[in-house]
PDB file of N, CA and C in Angstrom:
ATOM      1  N   MET A   1       1.148  73.982  16.253  1.00  0.00           N
ATOM      2  CA  MET A   1       0.495  73.401  15.092  1.00  0.00           C
ATOM      3  C   MET A   1       1.510  73.124  13.982  1.00  0.00           C
ATOM      4  N   LYS A   2       2.482  74.006  13.832  1.00  0.00           N
ATOM      5  CA  LYS A   2       3.489  73.855  12.789  1.00  0.00           C
ATOM      6  C   LYS A   2       4.316  72.587  13.011  1.00  0.00           C
ATOM      7  N   ASN A   3       4.706  72.301  14.263  1.00  0.00           N
ATOM      8  CA  ASN A   3       5.496  71.116  14.572  1.00  0.00           C
ATOM      9  C   ASN A   3       4.719  69.832  14.307  1.00  0.00           C
ATOM     10  N   VAL A   4       3.406  69.861  14.558  1.00  0.00           N
ATOM     11  CA  VAL A   4       2.578  68.687  14.293  1.00  0.00           C
ATOM     12  C   VAL A   4       2.602  68.377  12.799  1.00  0.00           C
ATOM     13  N   TYR A   5       2.479  69.402  11.960  1.00  0.00           N
ATOM     14  CA  TYR A   5       2.517  69.211  10.508  1.00  0.00           C
ATOM     15  C   TYR A   5       3.878  68.686  10.078  1.00  0.00           C
ATOM     16  N   LEU A   6       4.951  69.250  10.638  1.00  0.00           N
ATOM     17  CA  LEU A   6       6.312  68.827  10.290  1.00  0.00           C
ATOM     18  C   LEU A   6       6.512  67.356  10.647  1.00  0.00           C
ATOM     19  N   LYS A   7       6.093  66.969  11.848  1.00  0.00           N
ATOM     20  CA  LYS A   7       6.237  65.576  12.265  1.00  0.00           C
ATOM     21  C   LYS A   7       5.427  64.655  11.367  1.00  0.00           C
ATOM     22  N   LYS A   8       4.233  65.074  11.006  1.00  0.00           N
ATOM     23  CA  LYS A   8       3.378  64.253  10.160  1.00  0.00           C
ATOM     24  C   LYS A   8       4.009  64.074   8.785  1.00  0.00           C
ATOM     25  N   SER A   9       4.565  65.133   8.217  1.00  0.00           N
ATOM     26  CA  SER A   9       5.162  65.008   6.892  1.00  0.00           C
ATOM     27  C   SER A   9       6.425  64.145   6.937  1.00  0.00           C
ATOM     28  N   LEU A  10       7.180  64.197   8.031  1.00  0.00           N
ATOM     29  CA  LEU A  10       8.355  63.338   8.166  1.00  0.00           C
ATOM     30  C   LEU A  10       7.951  61.870   8.264  1.00  0.00           C
ATOM     31  N   ILE A  11       6.877  61.602   8.970  1.00  0.00           N
ATOM     32  CA  ILE A  11       6.372  60.236   9.079  1.00  0.00           C
ATOM     33  C   ILE A  11       5.905  59.739   7.714  1.00  0.00           C
ATOM     34  N   GLU A  12       5.206  60.582   6.973  1.00  0.00           N
ATOM     35  CA  GLU A  12       4.751  60.210   5.636  1.00  0.00           C
ATOM     36  C   GLU A  12       5.934  59.952   4.708  1.00  0.00           C
ATOM     37  N   GLU A  13       6.964  60.770   4.805  1.00  0.00           N
ATOM     38  CA  GLU A  13       8.153  60.587   3.971  1.00  0.00           C
ATOM     39  C   GLU A  13       8.845  59.273   4.316  1.00  0.00           C
ATOM     40  N   LEU A  14       8.940  58.954   5.597  1.00  0.00           N
ATOM     41  CA  LEU A  14       9.559  57.699   6.025  1.00  0.00           C
ATOM     42  C   LEU A  14       8.763  56.503   5.496  1.00  0.00           C
ATOM     43  N   LYS A  15       7.441  56.577   5.580  1.00  0.00           N
ATOM     44  CA  LYS A  15       6.606  55.500   5.049  1.00  0.00           C
ATOM     45  C   LYS A  15       6.841  55.333   3.553  1.00  0.00           C
ATOM     46  N   GLU A  16       6.930  56.441   2.838  1.00  0.00           N
ATOM     47  CA  GLU A  16       7.153  56.390   1.398  1.00  0.00           C
ATOM     48  C   GLU A  16       8.493  55.724   1.083  1.00  0.00           C
ATOM     49  N   LYS A  17       9.522  56.066   1.845  1.00  0.00           N
ATOM     50  CA  LYS A  17      10.848  55.489   1.612  1.00  0.00           C
ATOM     51  C   LYS A  17      10.882  53.997   1.908  1.00  0.00           C
ATOM     52  N   THR A  18      10.175  53.560   2.945  1.00  0.00           N
ATOM     53  CA  THR A  18      10.212  52.149   3.304  1.00  0.00           C
ATOM     54  C   THR A  18       9.275  51.309   2.440  1.00  0.00           C
ATOM     55  N   ASN A  19       8.320  51.934   1.781  1.00  0.00           N
ATOM     56  CA  ASN A  19       7.386  51.195   0.936  1.00  0.00           C
ATOM     57  C   ASN A  19       7.804  51.177  -0.529  1.00  0.00           C
ATOM     58  N   ILE A  20       9.005  51.629  -0.842  1.00  0.00           N
ATOM     59  CA  ILE A  20       9.450  51.687  -2.232  1.00  0.00           C
ATOM     60  C   ILE A  20       9.512  50.279  -2.821  1.00  0.00           C
ATOM     61  N   ARG A  21       9.062  50.173  -4.025  1.00  0.00           N
ATOM     62  CA  ARG A  21       9.122  48.892  -4.721  1.00  0.00           C
ATOM     63  C   ARG A  21      10.405  48.828  -5.527  1.00  0.00           C
ATOM     64  N   LEU A  22      10.915  47.644  -5.678  1.00  0.00           N
ATOM     65  CA  LEU A  22      12.064  47.410  -6.536  1.00  0.00           C
ATOM     66  C   LEU A  22      11.549  47.406  -7.966  1.00  0.00           C
ATOM     67  N   VAL A  23      12.069  48.307  -8.803  1.00  0.00           N
ATOM     68  CA  VAL A  23      11.538  48.430 -10.155  1.00  0.00           C
ATOM     69  C   VAL A  23      12.625  48.591 -11.199  1.00  0.00           C
ATOM     70  N   LEU A  24      12.254  48.196 -12.405  1.00  0.00           N
ATOM     71  CA  LEU A  24      12.974  48.601 -13.603  1.00  0.00           C
ATOM     72  C   LEU A  24      12.185  49.777 -14.134  1.00  0.00           C
ATOM     73  N   PHE A  25      12.867  50.822 -14.526  1.00  0.00           N
ATOM     74  CA  PHE A  25      12.212  52.038 -14.990  1.00  0.00           C
ATOM     75  C   PHE A  25      12.534  52.241 -16.459  1.00  0.00           C
ATOM     76  N   ALA A  26      11.505  52.398 -17.281  1.00  0.00           N
ATOM     77  CA  ALA A  26      11.688  52.644 -18.705  1.00  0.00           C
ATOM     78  C   ALA A  26      11.976  54.126 -18.921  1.00  0.00           C
ATOM     79  N   VAL A  27      13.168  54.437 -19.412  1.00  0.00           N
ATOM     80  CA  VAL A  27      13.546  55.819 -19.701  1.00  0.00           C
ATOM     81  C   VAL A  27      13.116  56.113 -21.136  1.00  0.00           C
ATOM     82  N   THR A  28      12.477  57.248 -21.322  1.00  0.00           N
ATOM     83  CA  THR A  28      11.957  57.610 -22.641  1.00  0.00           C
ATOM     84  C   THR A  28      12.629  58.879 -23.150  1.00  0.00           C
ATOM     85  N   GLU A  29      12.412  59.163 -24.439  1.00  0.00           N
ATOM     86  CA  GLU A  29      13.047  60.331 -25.035  1.00  0.00           C
ATOM     87  C   GLU A  29      12.518  61.640 -24.449  1.00  0.00           C
ATOM     88  N   ASN A  30      11.308  61.640 -23.930  1.00  0.00           N
ATOM     89  CA  ASN A  30      10.747  62.831 -23.282  1.00  0.00           C
ATOM     90  C   ASN A  30      10.574  62.564 -21.794  1.00  0.00           C
ATOM     91  N   LEU A  31      11.231  63.354 -20.971  1.00  0.00           N
ATOM     92  CA  LEU A  31      11.078  63.183 -19.529  1.00  0.00           C
ATOM     93  C   LEU A  31       9.739  63.704 -19.042  1.00  0.00           C
ATOM     94  N   VAL A  32       9.254  64.749 -19.699  1.00  0.00           N
ATOM     95  CA  VAL A  32       7.966  65.343 -19.361  1.00  0.00           C
ATOM     96  C   VAL A  32       6.999  65.002 -20.491  1.00  0.00           C
ATOM     97  N   PRO A  33       5.854  64.419 -20.150  1.00  0.00           N
ATOM     98  CA  PRO A  33       4.919  64.026 -21.204  1.00  0.00           C
ATOM     99  C   PRO A  33       4.272  65.222 -21.882  1.00  0.00           C
ATOM    100  N   SER A  34       3.849  64.999 -23.100  1.00  0.00           N
ATOM    101  CA  SER A  34       3.128  66.043 -23.838  1.00  0.00           C
ATOM    102  C   SER A  34       1.915  65.393 -24.486  1.00  0.00           C
ATOM    103  N   PRO A  35       0.724  65.827 -24.128  1.00  0.00           N
ATOM    104  CA  PRO A  35       0.377  66.834 -23.130  1.00  0.00           C
ATOM    105  C   PRO A  35       0.608  66.314 -21.705  1.00  0.00           C
ATOM    106  N   ILE A  36       0.753  67.234 -20.783  1.00  0.00           N
ATOM    107  CA  ILE A  36       1.117  66.913 -19.409  1.00  0.00           C
ATOM    108  C   ILE A  36       0.099  65.994 -18.732  1.00  0.00           C
ATOM    109  N   LEU A  37      -1.174  66.117 -19.065  1.00  0.00           N
ATOM    110  CA  LEU A  37      -2.223  65.279 -18.478  1.00  0.00           C
ATOM    111  C   LEU A  37      -1.965  63.802 -18.772  1.00  0.00           C
ATOM    112  N   VAL A  38      -1.317  63.531 -19.873  1.00  0.00           N
ATOM    113  CA  VAL A  38      -1.019  62.154 -20.249  1.00  0.00           C
ATOM    114  C   VAL A  38      -0.168  61.470 -19.181  1.00  0.00           C
ATOM    115  N   GLY A  39       0.700  62.215 -18.531  1.00  0.00           N
ATOM    116  CA  GLY A  39       1.545  61.648 -17.481  1.00  0.00           C
ATOM    117  C   GLY A  39       0.738  61.008 -16.373  1.00  0.00           C
ATOM    118  N   CYS A  40      -0.389  61.600 -16.051  1.00  0.00           N
ATOM    119  CA  CYS A  40      -1.266  61.043 -15.014  1.00  0.00           C
ATOM    120  C   CYS A  40      -1.878  59.716 -15.463  1.00  0.00           C
ATOM    121  N   LEU A  41      -2.100  59.596 -16.749  1.00  0.00           N
ATOM    122  CA  LEU A  41      -2.786  58.417 -17.273  1.00  0.00           C
ATOM    123  C   LEU A  41      -1.839  57.283 -17.678  1.00  0.00           C
ATOM    124  N   THR A  42      -0.646  57.632 -18.138  1.00  0.00           N
ATOM    125  CA  THR A  42       0.248  56.604 -18.676  1.00  0.00           C
ATOM    126  C   THR A  42       1.597  56.497 -17.954  1.00  0.00           C
ATOM    127  N   GLY A  43       1.874  57.365 -17.011  1.00  0.00           N
ATOM    128  CA  GLY A  43       3.172  57.355 -16.333  1.00  0.00           C
ATOM    129  C   GLY A  43       3.492  56.045 -15.649  1.00  0.00           C
ATOM    130  N   HIS A  44       2.479  55.368 -15.115  1.00  0.00           N
ATOM    131  CA  HIS A  44       2.703  54.094 -14.418  1.00  0.00           C
ATOM    132  C   HIS A  44       3.225  53.003 -15.350  1.00  0.00           C
ATOM    133  N   ILE A  45       3.028  53.155 -16.637  1.00  0.00           N
ATOM    134  CA  ILE A  45       3.473  52.155 -17.608  1.00  0.00           C
ATOM    135  C   ILE A  45       4.995  52.101 -17.671  1.00  0.00           C
ATOM    136  N   ARG A  46       5.659  53.129 -17.185  1.00  0.00           N
ATOM    137  CA  ARG A  46       7.125  53.179 -17.226  1.00  0.00           C
ATOM    138  C   ARG A  46       7.778  52.305 -16.159  1.00  0.00           C
ATOM    139  N   TYR A  47       7.006  51.769 -15.215  1.00  0.00           N
ATOM    140  CA  TYR A  47       7.543  50.998 -14.092  1.00  0.00           C
ATOM    141  C   TYR A  47       7.274  49.511 -14.261  1.00  0.00           C
ATOM    142  N   LEU A  48       8.306  48.712 -14.116  1.00  0.00           N
ATOM    143  CA  LEU A  48       8.201  47.252 -14.161  1.00  0.00           C
ATOM    144  C   LEU A  48       8.585  46.738 -12.781  1.00  0.00           C
ATOM    145  N   ASN A  49       7.635  46.188 -12.050  1.00  0.00           N
ATOM    146  CA  ASN A  49       7.890  45.729 -10.682  1.00  0.00           C
ATOM    147  C   ASN A  49       8.707  44.451 -10.660  1.00  0.00           C
ATOM    148  N   LEU A  50       9.584  44.363  -9.676  1.00  0.00           N
ATOM    149  CA  LEU A  50      10.368  43.155  -9.426  1.00  0.00           C
ATOM    150  C   LEU A  50      10.025  42.639  -8.036  1.00  0.00           C
ATOM    151  N   ASN A  51      10.180  41.351  -7.822  1.00  0.00           N
ATOM    152  CA  ASN A  51       9.904  40.724  -6.548  1.00  0.00           C
ATOM    153  C   ASN A  51      10.853  41.261  -5.478  1.00  0.00           C
ATOM    154  N   LYS A  52      10.364  41.411  -4.266  1.00  0.00           N
ATOM    155  CA  LYS A  52      11.204  41.947  -3.181  1.00  0.00           C
ATOM    156  C   LYS A  52      12.393  41.048  -2.858  1.00  0.00           C
ATOM    157  N   ASP A  53      12.331  39.775  -3.222  1.00  0.00           N
ATOM    158  CA  ASP A  53      13.427  38.840  -2.978  1.00  0.00           C
ATOM    159  C   ASP A  53      14.362  38.728  -4.174  1.00  0.00           C
ATOM    160  N   PHE A  54      14.279  39.656  -5.089  1.00  0.00           N
ATOM    161  CA  PHE A  54      15.045  39.621  -6.330  1.00  0.00           C
ATOM    162  C   PHE A  54      16.543  39.450  -6.085  1.00  0.00           C
ATOM    163  N   PHE A  55      17.098  40.128  -5.088  1.00  0.00           N
ATOM    164  CA  PHE A  55      18.539  40.085  -4.851  1.00  0.00           C
ATOM    165  C   PHE A  55      18.992  38.833  -4.100  1.00  0.00           C
ATOM    166  N   LYS A  56      18.051  37.984  -3.740  1.00  0.00           N
ATOM    167  CA  LYS A  56      18.401  36.736  -3.060  1.00  0.00           C
ATOM    168  C   LYS A  56      18.646  35.602  -4.062  1.00  0.00           C
ATOM    169  N   ILE A  57      18.345  35.841  -5.332  1.00  0.00           N
ATOM    170  CA  ILE A  57      18.534  34.802  -6.345  1.00  0.00           C
ATOM    171  C   ILE A  57      19.877  34.999  -7.042  1.00  0.00           C
ATOM    172  N   SER A  58      20.285  34.025  -7.808  1.00  0.00           N
ATOM    173  CA  SER A  58      21.595  34.068  -8.460  1.00  0.00           C
ATOM    174  C   SER A  58      21.673  35.177  -9.509  1.00  0.00           C
ATOM    175  N   PHE A  59      22.881  35.577  -9.825  1.00  0.00           N
ATOM    176  CA  PHE A  59      23.112  36.591 -10.847  1.00  0.00           C
ATOM    177  C   PHE A  59      22.515  36.161 -12.193  1.00  0.00           C
ATOM    178  N   GLN A  60      22.669  34.884 -12.546  1.00  0.00           N
ATOM    179  CA  GLN A  60      22.124  34.380 -13.809  1.00  0.00           C
ATOM    180  C   GLN A  60      20.601  34.500 -13.841  1.00  0.00           C
ATOM    181  N   ASP A  61      19.950  34.164 -12.733  1.00  0.00           N
ATOM    182  CA  ASP A  61      18.487  34.280 -12.667  1.00  0.00           C
ATOM    183  C   ASP A  61      18.048  35.741 -12.700  1.00  0.00           C
ATOM    184  N   GLN A  62      18.793  36.621 -12.030  1.00  0.00           N
ATOM    185  CA  GLN A  62      18.483  38.048 -12.080  1.00  0.00           C
ATOM    186  C   GLN A  62      18.558  38.548 -13.525  1.00  0.00           C
ATOM    187  N   SER A  63      19.619  38.172 -14.215  1.00  0.00           N
ATOM    188  CA  SER A  63      19.808  38.596 -15.604  1.00  0.00           C
ATOM    189  C   SER A  63      18.683  38.084 -16.491  1.00  0.00           C
ATOM    190  N   ARG A  64      18.301  36.825 -16.302  1.00  0.00           N
ATOM    191  CA  ARG A  64      17.224  36.234 -17.095  1.00  0.00           C
ATOM    192  C   ARG A  64      15.903  36.960 -16.853  1.00  0.00           C
ATOM    193  N   ILE A  65      15.587  37.242 -15.594  1.00  0.00           N
ATOM    194  CA  ILE A  65      14.339  37.921 -15.249  1.00  0.00           C
ATOM    195  C   ILE A  65      14.319  39.328 -15.842  1.00  0.00           C
ATOM    196  N   ILE A  66      15.421  40.051 -15.725  1.00  0.00           N
ATOM    197  CA  ILE A  66      15.486  41.407 -16.281  1.00  0.00           C
ATOM    198  C   ILE A  66      15.273  41.370 -17.784  1.00  0.00           C
ATOM    199  N   LYS A  67      15.938  40.456 -18.472  1.00  0.00           N
ATOM    200  CA  LYS A  67      15.773  40.350 -19.923  1.00  0.00           C
ATOM    201  C   LYS A  67      14.326  40.029 -20.295  1.00  0.00           C
ATOM    202  N   GLU A  68      13.719  39.092 -19.583  1.00  0.00           N
ATOM    203  CA  GLU A  68      12.333  38.722 -19.861  1.00  0.00           C
ATOM    204  C   GLU A  68      11.387  39.899 -19.648  1.00  0.00           C
ATOM    205  N   LYS A  69      11.544  40.577 -18.513  1.00  0.00           N
ATOM    206  CA  LYS A  69      10.654  41.712 -18.209  1.00  0.00           C
ATOM    207  C   LYS A  69      10.790  42.820 -19.246  1.00  0.00           C
ATOM    208  N   ILE A  70      12.030  43.150 -19.607  1.00  0.00           N
ATOM    209  CA  ILE A  70      12.251  44.198 -20.596  1.00  0.00           C
ATOM    210  C   ILE A  70      11.677  43.785 -21.942  1.00  0.00           C
ATOM    211  N   ASN A  71      11.897  42.542 -22.354  1.00  0.00           N
ATOM    212  CA  ASN A  71      11.388  42.057 -23.634  1.00  0.00           C
ATOM    213  C   ASN A  71       9.861  42.122 -23.688  1.00  0.00           C
ATOM    214  N   VAL A  72       9.208  41.623 -22.651  1.00  0.00           N
ATOM    215  CA  VAL A  72       7.744  41.639 -22.597  1.00  0.00           C
ATOM    216  C   VAL A  72       7.231  43.079 -22.611  1.00  0.00           C
ATOM    217  N   HIS A  73       7.830  43.944 -21.799  1.00  0.00           N
ATOM    218  CA  HIS A  73       7.395  45.337 -21.711  1.00  0.00           C
ATOM    219  C   HIS A  73       7.591  46.062 -23.034  1.00  0.00           C
ATOM    220  N   PHE A  74       8.771  45.912 -23.629  1.00  0.00           N
ATOM    221  CA  PHE A  74       9.080  46.608 -24.880  1.00  0.00           C
ATOM    222  C   PHE A  74       8.136  46.159 -25.992  1.00  0.00           C
ATOM    223  N   ASN A  75       7.871  44.862 -26.071  1.00  0.00           N
ATOM    224  CA  ASN A  75       6.949  44.366 -27.096  1.00  0.00           C
ATOM    225  C   ASN A  75       5.518  44.811 -26.838  1.00  0.00           C
ATOM    226  N   ALA A  76       5.092  44.794 -25.583  1.00  0.00           N
ATOM    227  CA  ALA A  76       3.726  45.200 -25.239  1.00  0.00           C
ATOM    228  C   ALA A  76       3.470  46.675 -25.539  1.00  0.00           C
ATOM    229  N   THR A  77       4.496  47.502 -25.351  1.00  0.00           N
ATOM    230  CA  THR A  77       4.340  48.943 -25.596  1.00  0.00           C
ATOM    231  C   THR A  77       4.752  49.323 -27.015  1.00  0.00           C
ATOM    232  N   GLN A  78       5.252  48.357 -27.780  1.00  0.00           N
ATOM    233  CA  GLN A  78       5.795  48.597 -29.123  1.00  0.00           C
ATOM    234  C   GLN A  78       6.907  49.642 -29.090  1.00  0.00           C
ATOM    235  N   GLY A  79       7.637  49.665 -27.958  1.00  0.00           N
ATOM    236  CA  GLY A  79       8.793  50.545 -27.823  1.00  0.00           C
ATOM    237  C   GLY A  79       8.459  52.007 -27.586  1.00  0.00           C
ATOM    238  N   LYS A  80       7.189  52.301 -27.305  1.00  0.00           N
ATOM    239  CA  LYS A  80       6.769  53.695 -27.068  1.00  0.00           C
ATOM    240  C   LYS A  80       5.796  53.750 -25.905  1.00  0.00           C
ATOM    241  N   ILE A  81       5.820  54.876 -25.198  1.00  0.00           N
ATOM    242  CA  ILE A  81       4.827  55.137 -24.165  1.00  0.00           C
ATOM    243  C   ILE A  81       4.151  56.451 -24.535  1.00  0.00           C
ATOM    244  N   PHE A  82       2.850  56.362 -24.744  1.00  0.00           N
ATOM    245  CA  PHE A  82       2.089  57.512 -25.221  1.00  0.00           C
ATOM    246  C   PHE A  82       2.373  58.757 -24.386  1.00  0.00           C
ATOM    247  N   GLY A  83       2.717  59.821 -25.053  1.00  0.00           N
ATOM    248  CA  GLY A  83       3.015  61.083 -24.405  1.00  0.00           C
ATOM    249  C   GLY A  83       4.482  61.249 -24.025  1.00  0.00           C
ATOM    250  N   TYR A  84       5.176  60.129 -23.831  1.00  0.00           N
ATOM    251  CA  TYR A  84       6.592  60.167 -23.441  1.00  0.00           C
ATOM    252  C   TYR A  84       7.528  59.871 -24.611  1.00  0.00           C
ATOM    253  N   GLY A  85       7.023  59.201 -25.616  1.00  0.00           N
ATOM    254  CA  GLY A  85       7.836  58.898 -26.791  1.00  0.00           C
ATOM    255  C   GLY A  85       8.507  57.535 -26.703  1.00  0.00           C
ATOM    256  N   ARG A  86       9.551  57.374 -27.505  1.00  0.00           N
ATOM    257  CA  ARG A  86      10.283  56.104 -27.598  1.00  0.00           C
ATOM    258  C   ARG A  86      10.990  55.763 -26.294  1.00  0.00           C
ATOM    259  N   ILE A  87      11.027  54.473 -25.981  1.00  0.00           N
ATOM    260  CA  ILE A  87      11.821  53.988 -24.851  1.00  0.00           C
ATOM    261  C   ILE A  87      13.265  53.925 -25.330  1.00  0.00           C
ATOM    262  N   THR A  88      14.178  54.518 -24.570  1.00  0.00           N
ATOM    263  CA  THR A  88      15.585  54.541 -24.972  1.00  0.00           C
ATOM    264  C   THR A  88      16.429  53.514 -24.216  1.00  0.00           C
ATOM    265  N   HIS A  89      16.089  53.244 -22.956  1.00  0.00           N
ATOM    266  CA  HIS A  89      16.795  52.258 -22.145  1.00  0.00           C
ATOM    267  C   HIS A  89      16.025  52.064 -20.841  1.00  0.00           C
ATOM    268  N   TYR A  90      16.530  51.181 -19.998  1.00  0.00           N
ATOM    269  CA  TYR A  90      15.901  50.880 -18.715  1.00  0.00           C
ATOM    270  C   TYR A  90      16.925  51.056 -17.601  1.00  0.00           C
ATOM    271  N   ILE A  91      16.444  51.460 -16.431  1.00  0.00           N
ATOM    272  CA  ILE A  91      17.303  51.636 -15.255  1.00  0.00           C
ATOM    273  C   ILE A  91      16.727  50.796 -14.112  1.00  0.00           C
ATOM    274  N   LEU A  92      17.609  50.104 -13.410  1.00  0.00           N
ATOM    275  CA  LEU A  92      17.197  49.345 -12.234  1.00  0.00           C
ATOM    276  C   LEU A  92      17.217  50.287 -11.036  1.00  0.00           C
ATOM    277  N   LYS A  93      16.066  50.440 -10.403  1.00  0.00           N
ATOM    278  CA  LYS A  93      15.960  51.286  -9.212  1.00  0.00           C
ATOM    279  C   LYS A  93      15.893  50.365  -7.997  1.00  0.00           C
ATOM    280  N   LYS A  94      16.963  50.382  -7.208  1.00  0.00           N
ATOM    281  CA  LYS A  94      17.076  49.478  -6.072  1.00  0.00           C
ATOM    282  C   LYS A  94      16.423  50.012  -4.805  1.00  0.00           C
ATOM    283  N   LYS A  95      16.473  51.307  -4.618  1.00  0.00           N
ATOM    284  CA  LYS A  95      15.916  51.862  -3.389  1.00  0.00           C
ATOM    285  C   LYS A  95      15.474  53.300  -3.633  1.00  0.00           C
ATOM    286  N   TYR A  96      14.709  53.808  -2.686  1.00  0.00           N
ATOM    287  CA  TYR A  96      14.082  55.130  -2.805  1.00  0.00           C
ATOM    288  C   TYR A  96      15.085  56.224  -3.129  1.00  0.00           C
ATOM    289  N   ASP A  97      16.158  56.299  -2.367  1.00  0.00           N
ATOM    290  CA  ASP A  97      17.105  57.409  -2.500  1.00  0.00           C
ATOM    291  C   ASP A  97      18.414  56.937  -3.139  1.00  0.00           C
ATOM    292  N   GLN A  98      18.292  56.151  -4.186  1.00  0.00           N
ATOM    293  CA  GLN A  98      19.465  55.607  -4.857  1.00  0.00           C
ATOM    294  C   GLN A  98      20.347  56.722  -5.396  1.00  0.00           C
ATOM    295  N   LYS A  99      21.623  56.595  -5.156  1.00  0.00           N
ATOM    296  CA  LYS A  99      22.598  57.588  -5.615  1.00  0.00           C
ATOM    297  C   LYS A  99      22.936  57.328  -7.083  1.00  0.00           C
ATOM    298  N   PRO A 100      23.223  58.383  -7.851  1.00  0.00           N
ATOM    299  CA  PRO A 100      23.544  58.208  -9.272  1.00  0.00           C
ATOM    300  C   PRO A 100      24.728  57.280  -9.518  1.00  0.00           C
ATOM    301  N   GLU A 101      25.671  57.232  -8.591  1.00  0.00           N
ATOM    302  CA  GLU A 101      26.837  56.377  -8.802  1.00  0.00           C
ATOM    303  C   GLU A 101      26.511  54.884  -8.643  1.00  0.00           C
ATOM    304  N   ALA A 102      25.294  54.560  -8.269  1.00  0.00           N
ATOM    305  CA  ALA A 102      24.898  53.160  -8.130  1.00  0.00           C
ATOM    306  C   ALA A 102      23.974  52.716  -9.267  1.00  0.00           C
ATOM    307  N   LEU A 103      23.909  53.493 -10.321  1.00  0.00           N
ATOM    308  CA  LEU A 103      23.012  53.175 -11.431  1.00  0.00           C
ATOM    309  C   LEU A 103      23.434  51.939 -12.201  1.00  0.00           C
ATOM    310  N   GLN A 104      22.439  51.209 -12.657  1.00  0.00           N
ATOM    311  CA  GLN A 104      22.659  50.123 -13.590  1.00  0.00           C
ATOM    312  C   GLN A 104      21.702  50.334 -14.748  1.00  0.00           C
ATOM    313  N   ILE A 105      22.266  50.449 -15.943  1.00  0.00           N
ATOM    314  CA  ILE A 105      21.494  50.798 -17.127  1.00  0.00           C
ATOM    315  C   ILE A 105      21.476  49.616 -18.078  1.00  0.00           C
ATOM    316  N   PHE A 106      20.297  49.309 -18.597  1.00  0.00           N
ATOM    317  CA  PHE A 106      20.114  48.177 -19.495  1.00  0.00           C
ATOM    318  C   PHE A 106      19.628  48.664 -20.858  1.00  0.00           C
ATOM    319  N   ASP A 107      20.107  47.989 -21.906  1.00  0.00           N
ATOM    320  CA  ASP A 107      19.649  48.339 -23.251  1.00  0.00           C
ATOM    321  C   ASP A 107      18.267  47.733 -23.502  1.00  0.00           C
ATOM    322  N   LEU A 108      17.767  47.897 -24.701  1.00  0.00           N
ATOM    323  CA  LEU A 108      16.417  47.454 -25.028  1.00  0.00           C
ATOM    324  C   LEU A 108      16.296  45.931 -25.123  1.00  0.00           C
ATOM    325  N   ASN A 109      17.418  45.229 -25.118  1.00  0.00           N
ATOM    326  CA  ASN A 109      17.408  43.765 -25.099  1.00  0.00           C
ATOM    327  C   ASN A 109      17.549  43.219 -23.687  1.00  0.00           C
ATOM    328  N   GLY A 110      17.741  44.091 -22.708  1.00  0.00           N
ATOM    329  CA  GLY A 110      17.899  43.669 -21.323  1.00  0.00           C
ATOM    330  C   GLY A 110      19.327  43.370 -20.926  1.00  0.00           C
ATOM    331  N   ASP A 111      20.277  43.743 -21.780  1.00  0.00           N
ATOM    332  CA  ASP A 111      21.687  43.538 -21.455  1.00  0.00           C
ATOM    333  C   ASP A 111      22.211  44.729 -20.665  1.00  0.00           C
ATOM    334  N   LEU A 112      22.999  44.445 -19.631  1.00  0.00           N
ATOM    335  CA  LEU A 112      23.608  45.497 -18.820  1.00  0.00           C
ATOM    336  C   LEU A 112      24.623  46.240 -19.684  1.00  0.00           C
ATOM    337  N   ILE A 113      24.402  47.538 -19.881  1.00  0.00           N
ATOM    338  CA  ILE A 113      25.340  48.298 -20.709  1.00  0.00           C
ATOM    339  C   ILE A 113      26.277  49.143 -19.866  1.00  0.00           C
ATOM    340  N   ILE A 114      25.850  49.458 -18.632  1.00  0.00           N
ATOM    341  CA  ILE A 114      26.750  50.211 -17.764  1.00  0.00           C
ATOM    342  C   ILE A 114      26.336  50.005 -16.313  1.00  0.00           C
ATOM    343  N   SER A 115      27.330  49.866 -15.499  1.00  0.00           N
ATOM    344  CA  SER A 115      27.141  49.799 -14.068  1.00  0.00           C
ATOM    345  C   SER A 115      28.067  50.834 -13.477  1.00  0.00           C
ATOM    346  N   ILE A 116      27.525  51.990 -13.157  1.00  0.00           N
ATOM    347  CA  ILE A 116      28.344  53.109 -12.700  1.00  0.00           C
ATOM    348  C   ILE A 116      29.066  52.781 -11.405  1.00  0.00           C
ATOM    349  N   SER A 117      28.528  51.819 -10.645  1.00  0.00           N
ATOM    350  CA  SER A 117      29.200  51.426  -9.413  1.00  0.00           C
ATOM    351  C   SER A 117      30.510  50.712  -9.716  1.00  0.00           C
ATOM    352  N   GLY A 118      30.711  50.342 -10.983  1.00  0.00           N
ATOM    353  CA  GLY A 118      31.940  49.691 -11.377  1.00  0.00           C
ATOM    354  C   GLY A 118      31.907  48.178 -11.250  1.00  0.00           C
ATOM    355  N   ASN A 119      30.796  47.647 -10.793  1.00  0.00           N
ATOM    356  CA  ASN A 119      30.684  46.211 -10.615  1.00  0.00           C
ATOM    357  C   ASN A 119      29.507  45.680 -11.427  1.00  0.00           C
ATOM    358  N   PRO A 120      29.727  45.247 -12.682  1.00  0.00           N
ATOM    359  CA  PRO A 120      28.610  44.798 -13.504  1.00  0.00           C
ATOM    360  C   PRO A 120      27.952  43.528 -12.976  1.00  0.00           C
ATOM    361  N   ARG A 121      28.595  42.812 -12.073  1.00  0.00           N
ATOM    362  CA  ARG A 121      28.003  41.613 -11.504  1.00  0.00           C
ATOM    363  C   ARG A 121      26.937  41.971 -10.465  1.00  0.00           C
ATOM    364  N   GLU A 122      26.943  43.203  -9.980  1.00  0.00           N
ATOM    365  CA  GLU A 122      25.992  43.618  -8.944  1.00  0.00           C
ATOM    366  C   GLU A 122      24.741  44.160  -9.613  1.00  0.00           C
ATOM    367  N   ILE A 123      23.816  43.286  -9.906  1.00  0.00           N
ATOM    368  CA  ILE A 123      22.568  43.723 -10.562  1.00  0.00           C
ATOM    369  C   ILE A 123      21.485  43.857  -9.540  1.00  0.00           C
TER     370      ILE A 123
END
């Protein structure tokens, strides 16, 4: 019975990894919401979905889309997410298990401020 559960959880984890959406993530001053119940209600607001074909378009188009999405999101939320506080910056999440050295961080205007991978052209 134990092996059946283990296999099932591995299958569920694999499904979760393959179903990851490409997102921009709004980083806020509070990582944990206060009150905690608020996280269940407003946590999804921190995610900005991108099209799965995002990396097939030109660098200029990627930059334009990121700037537009961040601008619309920041204005719609007035720079705050209830329970989480002020938005401080945005991070592009490319895949489920993205390594910290592959981070790309954007300011509140949608400009790339750091690419830890060392290649700012790789958005």
